[in-house]
Protein backbone atom coordinates (compact mmCIF):
# COMPACT_ATOMS: atom_id res chain seq x y z
CA MET A 1 -204.77 -85.77 -32.58
CA LYS A 2 -203.22 -82.37 -32.76
CA ALA A 3 -199.52 -81.69 -32.31
CA ILE A 4 -197.87 -78.33 -31.71
CA ILE A 5 -194.24 -78.02 -32.65
CA ILE A 6 -192.27 -75.21 -31.07
CA GLY A 7 -189.59 -74.20 -33.51
CA SER A 8 -189.22 -74.64 -37.22
CA GLY A 9 -185.68 -75.89 -37.53
CA LEU A 10 -184.93 -78.99 -39.59
CA GLY A 11 -185.93 -81.23 -36.64
CA GLY A 12 -189.22 -79.56 -36.21
CA LEU A 13 -190.06 -79.51 -39.97
CA SER A 14 -189.10 -83.14 -40.39
CA THR A 15 -191.12 -84.28 -37.42
CA ALA A 16 -194.04 -82.25 -38.75
CA LEU A 17 -193.84 -84.18 -41.99
CA ARG A 18 -193.58 -87.51 -40.22
CA LEU A 19 -196.53 -86.78 -37.98
CA ALA A 20 -198.74 -85.38 -40.76
CA HIS A 21 -198.02 -88.46 -42.74
CA LYS A 22 -199.41 -90.41 -39.74
CA GLY A 23 -202.64 -88.36 -39.70
CA PHE A 24 -201.84 -85.83 -37.06
CA GLU A 25 -203.08 -82.30 -37.21
CA VAL A 26 -199.88 -80.29 -36.97
CA GLU A 27 -199.23 -76.73 -36.17
CA ILE A 28 -195.75 -75.06 -35.98
CA ILE A 29 -194.91 -71.87 -33.92
CA GLU A 30 -191.69 -70.12 -34.82
CA LYS A 31 -190.08 -67.12 -33.17
CA HIS A 32 -188.08 -65.95 -36.30
CA HIS A 33 -189.69 -64.25 -39.30
CA SER A 34 -188.81 -67.19 -41.58
CA PRO A 35 -188.77 -71.06 -41.02
CA GLY A 36 -185.76 -73.15 -40.83
CA GLY A 37 -183.99 -72.23 -37.52
CA ARG A 38 -180.21 -72.15 -38.20
CA LEU A 39 -180.77 -73.70 -41.63
CA ASN A 40 -182.01 -70.36 -42.83
CA ILE A 41 -181.47 -67.74 -45.71
CA LEU A 42 -180.34 -64.19 -46.01
CA LYS A 43 -181.25 -62.27 -49.27
CA LYS A 44 -179.54 -58.96 -49.65
CA ASP A 45 -178.32 -56.58 -52.43
CA GLY A 46 -179.06 -59.33 -55.08
CA PHE A 47 -177.08 -62.04 -53.17
CA THR A 48 -178.48 -65.16 -51.49
CA PHE A 49 -176.58 -66.51 -48.40
CA ASP A 50 -176.93 -69.69 -46.35
CA VAL A 51 -177.23 -68.40 -42.78
CA GLY A 52 -175.99 -71.47 -41.18
CA PRO A 53 -175.22 -75.08 -42.36
CA SER A 54 -173.46 -75.11 -45.69
CA PHE A 55 -172.96 -78.79 -46.29
CA PHE A 56 -173.66 -82.25 -44.90
CA SER A 57 -172.78 -85.90 -44.91
CA MET A 58 -175.04 -89.05 -44.58
CA SER A 59 -177.31 -87.79 -47.37
CA TYR A 60 -179.21 -91.05 -47.20
CA GLU A 61 -180.83 -89.85 -44.01
CA PHE A 62 -182.89 -87.49 -46.15
CA GLU A 63 -183.84 -90.30 -48.46
CA GLU A 64 -185.06 -92.19 -45.40
CA LEU A 65 -187.14 -89.17 -44.32
CA PHE A 66 -188.92 -88.82 -47.49
CA THR A 67 -189.31 -92.56 -48.29
CA SER A 68 -190.83 -93.10 -44.87
CA CYS A 69 -193.54 -90.66 -45.70
CA GLY A 70 -194.28 -92.18 -49.11
CA ILE A 71 -192.64 -89.20 -50.91
CA LYS A 72 -190.01 -89.07 -53.66
CA ASN A 73 -186.97 -87.13 -52.42
CA PRO A 74 -187.26 -83.53 -53.84
CA ILE A 75 -183.88 -82.43 -52.86
CA LYS A 76 -181.25 -82.13 -55.63
CA LEU A 77 -177.69 -82.51 -54.46
CA ASN A 78 -174.14 -81.40 -55.55
CA GLU A 79 -171.45 -83.73 -54.39
CA LEU A 80 -168.36 -81.66 -53.32
CA ASN A 81 -165.08 -82.72 -55.06
CA PRO A 82 -162.69 -81.72 -53.64
CA LEU A 83 -164.21 -82.01 -50.31
CA TYR A 84 -162.68 -78.88 -48.98
CA ALA A 85 -159.42 -76.91 -49.27
CA VAL A 86 -157.21 -76.20 -46.28
CA TYR A 87 -154.96 -73.06 -46.22
CA PHE A 88 -152.10 -72.91 -43.74
CA GLU A 89 -150.39 -69.60 -42.90
CA HIS A 90 -147.03 -70.86 -43.75
CA ARG A 91 -147.94 -72.36 -47.15
CA GLN A 92 -149.21 -70.50 -50.07
CA LYS A 93 -150.84 -73.40 -51.86
CA PRO A 94 -153.81 -75.06 -50.17
CA PHE A 95 -154.19 -78.82 -49.49
CA LEU A 96 -157.11 -80.19 -51.52
CA ILE A 97 -158.83 -83.00 -49.67
CA TYR A 98 -160.10 -85.73 -51.97
CA LYS A 99 -162.04 -89.02 -51.34
CA ASP A 100 -159.85 -90.36 -54.05
CA LEU A 101 -156.76 -91.47 -52.10
CA ASP A 102 -154.39 -91.43 -55.21
CA LYS A 103 -155.19 -87.66 -55.53
CA LEU A 104 -154.93 -87.21 -51.79
CA GLN A 105 -151.48 -88.84 -51.77
CA LYS A 106 -150.27 -86.38 -54.37
CA GLU A 107 -151.35 -83.51 -52.14
CA PHE A 108 -149.13 -84.76 -49.31
CA GLU A 109 -146.12 -86.06 -51.49
CA ASN A 110 -142.92 -85.75 -49.49
CA ILE A 111 -145.03 -84.79 -46.44
CA GLU A 112 -146.71 -88.06 -45.31
CA ASP A 113 -145.04 -91.38 -46.43
CA HIS A 114 -147.21 -94.33 -47.23
CA LEU A 115 -150.32 -92.18 -47.07
CA ILE A 116 -152.66 -94.38 -48.79
CA SER A 117 -151.98 -97.49 -46.60
CA LYS A 118 -152.15 -95.28 -43.40
CA VAL A 119 -155.37 -93.60 -44.40
CA GLU A 120 -156.99 -96.94 -45.40
CA ASN A 121 -156.10 -98.51 -42.03
CA TYR A 122 -157.38 -95.44 -40.21
CA LEU A 123 -160.65 -95.36 -42.06
CA LYS A 124 -161.02 -99.07 -41.72
CA SER A 125 -161.01 -98.73 -37.92
CA ALA A 126 -163.28 -95.75 -38.13
CA GLY A 127 -165.71 -97.59 -40.49
CA ARG A 128 -165.95 -100.46 -38.08
CA LEU A 129 -166.83 -98.09 -35.19
CA PHE A 130 -169.42 -96.43 -37.34
CA HIS A 131 -171.11 -99.58 -38.34
CA ASP A 132 -170.90 -101.24 -34.89
CA THR A 133 -172.71 -98.23 -33.30
CA GLU A 134 -175.07 -96.66 -35.82
CA ASN A 135 -178.01 -98.89 -35.00
CA LEU A 136 -176.92 -99.96 -31.52
CA ILE A 137 -176.36 -96.38 -30.25
CA ILE A 138 -177.12 -93.65 -32.82
CA ARG A 139 -180.55 -94.62 -34.39
CA ARG A 140 -182.44 -95.68 -31.38
CA ASN A 141 -184.22 -94.43 -28.28
CA PHE A 142 -183.18 -95.35 -24.80
CA ILE A 143 -185.84 -96.15 -21.96
CA SER A 144 -183.28 -95.04 -19.33
CA LYS A 145 -179.59 -94.55 -18.58
CA THR A 146 -179.38 -98.25 -17.65
CA ASP A 147 -180.75 -99.08 -21.07
CA TYR A 148 -178.01 -96.99 -22.60
CA LEU A 149 -175.27 -98.59 -20.50
CA LEU A 150 -176.42 -101.97 -21.62
CA ALA A 151 -176.32 -100.91 -25.13
CA LEU A 152 -172.73 -99.63 -24.68
CA ILE A 153 -171.72 -103.06 -23.31
CA LYS A 154 -172.76 -104.62 -26.60
CA VAL A 155 -170.32 -102.41 -28.50
CA PRO A 156 -167.33 -104.59 -29.49
CA LEU A 157 -164.59 -104.29 -26.94
CA ARG A 158 -162.08 -103.37 -29.69
CA HIS A 159 -163.47 -99.78 -29.65
CA SER A 160 -163.26 -99.18 -25.86
CA PRO A 161 -159.70 -97.70 -25.89
CA LYS A 162 -161.08 -94.85 -27.99
CA LEU A 163 -163.34 -93.77 -25.04
CA PHE A 164 -160.18 -92.88 -23.14
CA ARG A 165 -158.21 -91.08 -25.80
CA ASN A 166 -159.00 -87.79 -27.46
CA MET A 167 -159.20 -87.47 -31.19
CA TRP A 168 -155.73 -85.76 -31.46
CA SER A 169 -154.01 -88.61 -29.77
CA GLU A 170 -155.75 -91.10 -32.08
CA LEU A 171 -154.53 -89.17 -35.09
CA GLU A 172 -151.01 -89.16 -33.62
CA ARG A 173 -151.07 -92.95 -33.50
CA ASN A 174 -151.76 -93.05 -37.27
CA PHE A 175 -150.01 -90.21 -38.90
CA GLN A 176 -146.56 -88.29 -38.74
CA SER A 177 -147.49 -85.11 -40.65
CA GLU A 178 -148.64 -82.18 -38.38
CA GLU A 179 -150.66 -80.81 -41.43
CA LEU A 180 -152.44 -83.99 -42.07
CA LYS A 181 -153.30 -84.55 -38.32
CA ILE A 182 -154.67 -81.01 -38.16
CA ILE A 183 -156.68 -81.48 -41.36
CA PHE A 184 -158.26 -84.71 -40.24
CA SER A 185 -158.97 -83.22 -36.86
CA LEU A 186 -161.12 -80.37 -38.37
CA VAL A 187 -164.25 -82.43 -38.06
CA ALA A 188 -164.07 -81.88 -34.35
CA PHE A 189 -164.93 -78.30 -34.98
CA PHE A 190 -168.00 -79.56 -36.86
CA LEU A 191 -169.08 -80.69 -33.33
CA GLY A 192 -168.32 -77.21 -31.98
CA SER A 193 -165.26 -78.49 -30.16
CA THR A 194 -161.59 -79.09 -30.62
CA PRO A 195 -159.68 -82.38 -31.22
CA PHE A 196 -158.08 -82.09 -27.82
CA GLN A 197 -161.45 -82.28 -26.06
CA THR A 198 -163.30 -84.44 -28.56
CA PRO A 199 -163.27 -88.23 -27.83
CA ALA A 200 -161.55 -90.46 -30.23
CA VAL A 201 -164.67 -92.17 -31.24
CA TYR A 202 -165.57 -89.24 -33.44
CA GLN A 203 -162.91 -90.43 -35.88
CA LEU A 204 -166.03 -91.98 -37.43
CA LEU A 205 -166.73 -88.63 -38.88
CA ASN A 206 -163.61 -88.98 -40.93
CA TYR A 207 -165.17 -92.15 -42.27
CA THR A 208 -168.33 -90.49 -43.30
CA GLU A 209 -166.42 -87.72 -45.10
CA LEU A 210 -163.69 -89.56 -46.82
CA LYS A 211 -165.24 -92.90 -47.62
CA HIS A 212 -168.86 -93.50 -46.59
CA ASP A 213 -170.83 -90.70 -48.16
CA GLY A 214 -168.69 -87.63 -48.77
CA TYR A 215 -169.96 -84.05 -48.45
CA TRP A 216 -172.96 -82.55 -50.22
CA ASN A 217 -174.68 -79.21 -50.68
CA VAL A 218 -178.07 -78.66 -52.33
CA LYS A 219 -178.63 -77.21 -55.77
CA GLY A 220 -180.18 -73.77 -55.44
CA GLY A 221 -178.69 -73.32 -51.97
CA MET A 222 -179.10 -75.17 -48.63
CA TYR A 223 -182.48 -73.45 -47.90
CA ARG A 224 -184.00 -75.54 -50.66
CA ILE A 225 -184.35 -78.26 -47.96
CA VAL A 226 -186.58 -76.00 -45.94
CA GLU A 227 -188.53 -74.84 -48.94
CA ASN A 228 -189.00 -78.35 -50.16
CA LEU A 229 -190.31 -79.43 -46.75
CA LEU A 230 -192.57 -76.36 -46.52
CA GLU A 231 -194.18 -77.19 -49.86
CA LEU A 232 -194.86 -80.78 -48.69
CA LEU A 233 -196.26 -79.55 -45.26
CA ASN A 234 -198.46 -77.11 -47.14
CA GLN A 235 -199.80 -80.02 -49.17
CA LYS A 236 -200.59 -81.83 -45.78
CA ASN A 237 -202.27 -78.59 -44.37
CA VAL A 238 -199.55 -78.11 -41.76
CA SER A 239 -199.94 -74.46 -40.53
CA ILE A 240 -196.90 -72.28 -39.45
CA LYS A 241 -197.21 -69.27 -37.36
CA LEU A 242 -194.16 -66.87 -37.56
CA ASN A 243 -192.95 -64.03 -35.42
CA THR A 244 -194.36 -65.85 -32.31
CA GLU A 245 -192.29 -66.75 -29.35
CA ILE A 246 -193.48 -69.38 -26.72
CA THR A 247 -192.84 -67.99 -23.23
CA GLY A 248 -194.77 -70.25 -20.92
CA ILE A 249 -196.95 -73.28 -20.54
CA GLU A 250 -200.20 -74.25 -18.84
CA TYR A 251 -200.51 -77.69 -17.43
CA SER A 252 -202.83 -80.10 -15.49
CA GLY A 253 -201.29 -82.96 -13.64
CA LYS A 254 -198.75 -84.60 -15.89
CA ARG A 255 -199.97 -83.16 -19.10
CA ILE A 256 -199.43 -79.82 -20.76
CA VAL A 257 -202.71 -78.18 -21.75
CA SER A 258 -201.51 -75.27 -23.75
CA VAL A 259 -198.33 -73.08 -24.39
CA THR A 260 -198.53 -69.24 -24.32
CA ASP A 261 -196.88 -66.70 -26.64
CA GLN A 262 -195.24 -63.36 -25.90
CA ASP A 263 -198.66 -61.67 -26.30
CA GLY A 264 -200.48 -64.03 -23.88
CA LYS A 265 -202.25 -66.03 -26.53
CA LYS A 266 -202.71 -69.69 -25.79
CA TYR A 267 -202.29 -72.68 -28.16
CA HIS A 268 -203.98 -75.98 -27.24
CA ALA A 269 -203.03 -79.40 -28.47
CA ASP A 270 -202.83 -82.99 -27.41
CA ILE A 271 -198.97 -83.30 -27.89
CA PHE A 272 -196.24 -80.68 -27.79
CA ILE A 273 -192.73 -80.99 -29.38
CA SER A 274 -190.03 -78.52 -28.58
CA ASN A 275 -187.45 -77.93 -31.34
CA SER A 276 -185.63 -75.28 -29.31
CA ASP A 277 -182.66 -76.24 -27.13
CA ALA A 278 -183.80 -79.18 -25.00
CA ALA A 279 -181.74 -78.18 -21.89
CA ALA A 280 -182.59 -74.42 -22.05
CA PHE A 281 -186.22 -75.09 -22.78
CA ARG A 282 -186.41 -77.12 -19.46
CA GLY A 283 -184.71 -74.33 -17.50
CA GLN A 284 -186.17 -71.15 -19.05
CA ILE A 285 -189.64 -72.28 -19.93
CA LEU A 286 -190.35 -75.06 -17.51
CA LYS A 287 -188.29 -73.56 -14.70
CA ARG A 288 -186.67 -76.84 -13.80
CA THR A 289 -184.16 -76.43 -11.02
CA LYS A 290 -181.91 -79.08 -12.64
CA PHE A 291 -181.60 -76.76 -15.64
CA ASN A 292 -181.50 -73.40 -13.92
CA THR A 293 -179.04 -70.87 -15.43
CA GLN A 294 -176.30 -71.74 -12.91
CA LYS A 295 -176.42 -75.40 -13.77
CA LEU A 296 -176.81 -74.68 -17.54
CA ASP A 297 -173.73 -72.73 -17.35
CA LYS A 298 -171.68 -75.56 -15.87
CA MET A 299 -172.57 -77.82 -18.71
CA GLU A 300 -170.29 -78.19 -21.71
CA TRP A 301 -171.42 -76.08 -24.66
CA THR A 302 -170.19 -75.81 -28.21
CA LEU A 303 -168.43 -72.75 -29.57
CA ALA A 304 -170.37 -69.83 -30.63
CA PRO A 305 -170.54 -68.58 -34.28
CA PHE A 306 -169.18 -65.27 -35.54
CA THR A 307 -170.35 -64.96 -39.14
CA ILE A 308 -169.86 -62.58 -41.91
CA TYR A 309 -171.86 -62.59 -45.17
CA LEU A 310 -170.03 -60.79 -48.03
CA GLY A 311 -171.20 -60.14 -51.50
CA VAL A 312 -168.37 -59.16 -53.66
CA LYS A 313 -167.68 -58.02 -57.05
CA GLY A 314 -165.35 -60.24 -59.07
CA LEU A 315 -164.44 -63.89 -58.92
CA CYS A 316 -162.29 -65.15 -56.14
CA ASP A 317 -160.33 -67.76 -58.32
CA ASN A 318 -158.26 -68.97 -55.29
CA LEU A 319 -161.26 -70.17 -53.39
CA HIS A 320 -163.00 -73.48 -53.63
CA HIS A 321 -166.55 -74.29 -52.25
CA HIS A 322 -165.36 -75.20 -48.81
CA ASN A 323 -162.18 -73.62 -47.44
CA TYR A 324 -160.36 -73.56 -44.05
CA PHE A 325 -157.96 -70.91 -43.17
CA LEU A 326 -155.57 -71.83 -40.33
CA GLY A 327 -152.54 -70.32 -38.62
CA ASN A 328 -149.31 -71.78 -37.36
CA ASN A 329 -150.28 -72.21 -33.68
CA PHE A 330 -153.05 -74.87 -33.87
CA ARG A 331 -152.51 -76.35 -30.45
CA GLN A 332 -152.21 -72.95 -28.64
CA TYR A 333 -155.19 -71.64 -30.56
CA ALA A 334 -157.38 -74.70 -29.70
CA ASP A 335 -156.44 -74.48 -26.00
CA THR A 336 -157.45 -70.92 -25.61
CA ILE A 337 -160.40 -70.34 -27.96
CA PHE A 338 -163.03 -71.77 -25.71
CA LYS A 339 -162.70 -69.59 -22.76
CA SER A 340 -161.04 -66.40 -24.00
CA SER A 341 -162.71 -63.11 -23.04
CA VAL A 342 -161.22 -61.40 -26.03
CA SER A 343 -161.40 -61.84 -29.87
CA PRO A 344 -158.62 -63.88 -31.49
CA GLN A 345 -155.94 -61.59 -33.04
CA LYS A 346 -155.08 -64.13 -35.68
CA PRO A 347 -158.42 -65.97 -36.08
CA TYR A 348 -158.91 -69.36 -37.70
CA TYR A 349 -161.95 -69.40 -39.81
CA TYR A 350 -163.97 -71.24 -42.51
CA VAL A 351 -165.18 -69.75 -45.79
CA ASN A 352 -168.04 -71.13 -47.91
CA ALA A 353 -168.20 -69.76 -51.46
CA SER A 354 -171.47 -71.29 -52.47
CA SER A 355 -171.59 -69.39 -55.68
CA LYS A 356 -168.99 -71.91 -56.82
CA SER A 357 -171.65 -74.54 -56.86
CA ASN A 358 -174.68 -72.32 -57.21
CA PRO A 359 -173.95 -69.32 -59.54
CA GLN A 360 -177.55 -68.14 -59.12
CA CYS A 361 -176.78 -67.12 -55.48
CA ALA A 362 -174.81 -64.15 -56.60
CA PRO A 363 -175.19 -61.60 -59.54
CA GLU A 364 -173.11 -62.44 -62.63
CA GLY A 365 -169.51 -61.79 -62.15
CA CYS A 366 -169.80 -61.80 -58.31
CA GLU A 367 -169.27 -64.22 -55.45
CA ASN A 368 -171.24 -64.77 -52.21
CA LEU A 369 -168.85 -65.60 -49.27
CA PHE A 370 -170.12 -67.10 -45.94
CA ILE A 371 -167.35 -66.67 -43.33
CA LEU A 372 -167.49 -68.50 -40.00
CA CYS A 373 -165.11 -67.92 -37.09
CA PRO A 374 -165.80 -70.10 -33.95
CA VAL A 375 -165.47 -67.96 -30.87
CA PRO A 376 -166.11 -68.32 -27.18
CA ASP A 377 -169.87 -68.34 -26.12
CA LEU A 378 -171.45 -65.56 -24.08
CA ARG A 379 -170.36 -67.09 -20.79
CA PHE A 380 -166.78 -66.14 -21.41
CA LYS A 381 -167.08 -63.08 -23.77
CA THR A 382 -169.98 -60.89 -23.18
CA ASP A 383 -168.74 -57.71 -24.75
CA TRP A 384 -168.96 -57.68 -28.56
CA SER A 385 -168.34 -54.01 -29.06
CA ASP A 386 -165.34 -55.13 -31.17
CA THR A 387 -167.59 -56.95 -33.71
CA ASN A 388 -166.62 -54.60 -36.63
CA ALA A 389 -163.03 -54.81 -35.80
CA LEU A 390 -162.86 -58.54 -35.68
CA ALA A 391 -164.80 -58.78 -38.97
CA ASP A 392 -162.29 -56.30 -40.61
CA ASN A 393 -159.34 -58.35 -39.26
CA ILE A 394 -160.79 -61.58 -40.71
CA ILE A 395 -161.51 -59.90 -44.12
CA THR A 396 -158.06 -58.38 -44.30
CA ASP A 397 -156.48 -61.71 -43.57
CA LEU A 398 -158.56 -63.41 -46.15
CA SER A 399 -157.89 -60.86 -48.71
CA SER A 400 -154.13 -61.17 -48.41
CA ARG A 401 -154.31 -65.11 -48.43
CA ILE A 402 -156.41 -65.38 -51.65
CA ASN A 403 -154.84 -62.24 -53.36
CA PHE A 404 -158.15 -60.52 -53.74
CA ASP A 405 -159.08 -57.06 -52.12
CA LEU A 406 -162.31 -57.98 -50.48
CA HIS A 407 -162.56 -54.66 -48.72
CA LYS A 408 -162.44 -52.84 -52.02
CA ASN A 409 -164.86 -55.02 -53.76
CA THR A 410 -167.50 -55.54 -51.17
CA ILE A 411 -171.06 -54.79 -52.39
CA SER A 412 -172.87 -56.42 -49.34
CA LYS A 413 -171.88 -57.09 -45.80
CA THR A 414 -173.79 -58.50 -42.84
CA ILE A 415 -172.25 -59.52 -39.57
CA MET A 416 -173.74 -61.76 -36.89
CA ASN A 417 -171.95 -62.08 -33.47
CA PRO A 418 -172.92 -64.52 -30.81
CA VAL A 419 -175.54 -62.01 -29.25
CA ASP A 420 -177.30 -61.88 -32.63
CA TRP A 421 -177.22 -65.68 -32.87
CA GLN A 422 -178.65 -65.91 -29.33
CA ASN A 423 -181.34 -63.45 -29.80
CA THR A 424 -182.37 -64.62 -33.46
CA PHE A 425 -182.47 -68.40 -32.86
CA ASN A 426 -182.78 -68.77 -29.04
CA LEU A 427 -179.30 -70.38 -28.87
CA TYR A 428 -178.29 -70.60 -25.15
CA ARG A 429 -175.36 -68.16 -24.51
CA GLY A 430 -174.89 -68.01 -28.33
CA SER A 431 -173.66 -71.64 -28.52
CA GLY A 432 -173.77 -72.52 -32.17
CA LEU A 433 -174.54 -76.24 -31.88
CA GLY A 434 -175.93 -76.45 -28.33
CA LEU A 435 -174.52 -79.01 -25.87
CA ALA A 436 -171.18 -80.37 -26.58
CA HIS A 437 -170.56 -84.07 -27.41
CA GLY A 438 -168.28 -85.08 -24.56
CA LEU A 439 -168.95 -88.59 -23.25
CA ASN A 440 -170.97 -87.30 -20.41
CA GLN A 441 -173.32 -85.48 -22.87
CA VAL A 442 -173.95 -88.22 -25.52
CA GLY A 443 -176.58 -90.85 -26.08
CA ALA A 444 -178.93 -91.13 -23.17
CA LEU A 445 -176.82 -88.68 -21.19
CA ARG A 446 -177.92 -85.92 -23.52
CA PRO A 447 -181.33 -84.28 -22.47
CA SER A 448 -183.93 -86.84 -23.29
CA ASN A 449 -186.37 -86.42 -26.32
CA LYS A 450 -189.07 -87.37 -23.83
CA ASP A 451 -189.98 -85.01 -20.96
CA GLU A 452 -189.29 -86.30 -17.40
CA GLN A 453 -192.51 -84.95 -16.04
CA PHE A 454 -195.09 -84.32 -18.72
CA LYS A 455 -196.28 -87.26 -20.65
CA ASN A 456 -197.23 -85.29 -23.76
CA LEU A 457 -194.07 -83.14 -24.08
CA PHE A 458 -191.22 -84.35 -26.35
CA TYR A 459 -188.05 -82.78 -27.81
CA VAL A 460 -186.45 -82.83 -31.17
CA GLY A 461 -183.24 -81.37 -32.72
CA ALA A 462 -179.47 -81.16 -32.24
CA SER A 463 -179.68 -80.68 -28.46
CA THR A 464 -181.30 -83.99 -27.85
CA LEU A 465 -180.25 -87.42 -29.04
CA PRO A 466 -178.47 -88.50 -31.09
CA GLY A 467 -176.73 -85.04 -31.57
CA THR A 468 -175.71 -82.22 -33.80
CA GLY A 469 -175.50 -82.06 -37.64
CA LEU A 470 -178.30 -82.17 -40.26
CA PRO A 471 -178.30 -85.94 -40.64
CA MET A 472 -178.36 -86.41 -36.90
CA VAL A 473 -181.35 -83.96 -36.58
CA VAL A 474 -183.21 -85.93 -39.27
CA ILE A 475 -182.53 -89.09 -37.26
CA SER A 476 -183.78 -87.16 -34.25
CA SER A 477 -187.10 -86.60 -36.04
CA LYS A 478 -187.56 -90.26 -36.61
CA LEU A 479 -186.69 -91.22 -32.94
CA VAL A 480 -189.17 -88.60 -31.42
CA THR A 481 -191.81 -89.63 -33.88
CA GLU A 482 -191.25 -93.40 -32.73
CA ARG A 483 -191.60 -92.19 -29.16
CA ILE A 484 -194.95 -90.45 -29.86
CA LEU A 485 -196.45 -93.17 -31.90
CA ASN A 486 -195.50 -95.73 -29.16
CA ASP A 487 -196.83 -93.59 -26.24
CA PHE A 488 -200.13 -92.65 -27.99
CA ALA A 489 -200.63 -95.90 -29.90
CA GLN A 490 -203.85 -96.59 -28.19
CA ALA A 491 -205.34 -93.06 -28.75
CA LEU A 492 -204.44 -93.26 -32.40
CA ALA A 493 -205.94 -96.74 -32.88
């Protein structure tokens, strides 16, 4: 049987590997000039930048992917220690966040009393939640919304109060220090949201970062994941067609017959898997009324990325691999960032200096910096004529806080605003991580990985279940493969 995968993000590539291992003929069609989706690479002026994701947790999901395909895991990892550094505007020295609670306690000496016991109790609760739901909710398909509700009923009742609290209120129940609460709440931004809108159940992310698996990046840069997958797919004769955007479909009854690209060329297959946004694909390509622009805009979407890729001369000694730069108005900032029509004057942002772990990503004596500032999506801020002004604002602020003149030492600079992200990677309204993870958009309440109308159309990636993040996307590839193998078992026999 032949399968066509639309999009070559991590979900598409992982699904291609799983299907090829099962004997499918697989072809991937990709809009961009290089595979990987948001997990992409930028090479410029002697520097190599990770375009999107710069780290991940739950590294064992990659191990499962390769083991399930009878392959030794080719990805070489760097464990991050410290996990990250957090710089507050009112404090010259950053907080270094360690999995080692003795080290973490020293960071918060005279700031949070009895830190070790508090963190252990908090993580114990988060760990129970994680392990009580990982197979019941996260690593499984659902036949229907009723099937999902029945699964939720099986989750131990002790977790139910967290469905009705946000993440910030959960942290307030456990800690006193404002700084510690803010730092532990940063995982909400990994979901493209804020701790005041993210349900308390997502404290399980604190468990995965601080106790369960930690954070990792890849030796040689994050794009090595894509390159490793491409090498394996090439061995299995999987073809990839780049610079090709799917713009329409042709169907007969309840089956898609072919998809059509921007030049009118048709591609035929037995099965089709979309690795583009599952909601937007239904609206923009399938023209479903339920997913028209008006209804898509009313859904909850994650923040958009505003990214700067800086190659600088000299070493930034005051930066670690992962760094967060925050101001003194966290609550106010979080309350306004989603729907503001103007760029933030004192932006909060994240800085990844991957050259700290992978020196080969920058020329000798240089650093490569990836700066990410979450901003409103294109529903709220449509005018990005202030792109350069916002970038200069961020670079100036960062320069003063690390005591290094980035403007003076910049060798290479590339900026991507939400319009660029939307156009380059087909992100709806420039939303960086697609649909948000409110309780009405998780599990079976996310767009399904199996199409409602066409029997041979499926979906994979962050926009379907189980959700966003590299390990979740790898799980998504497993779930959609299970769907396909189950639905087409007779044809494959």
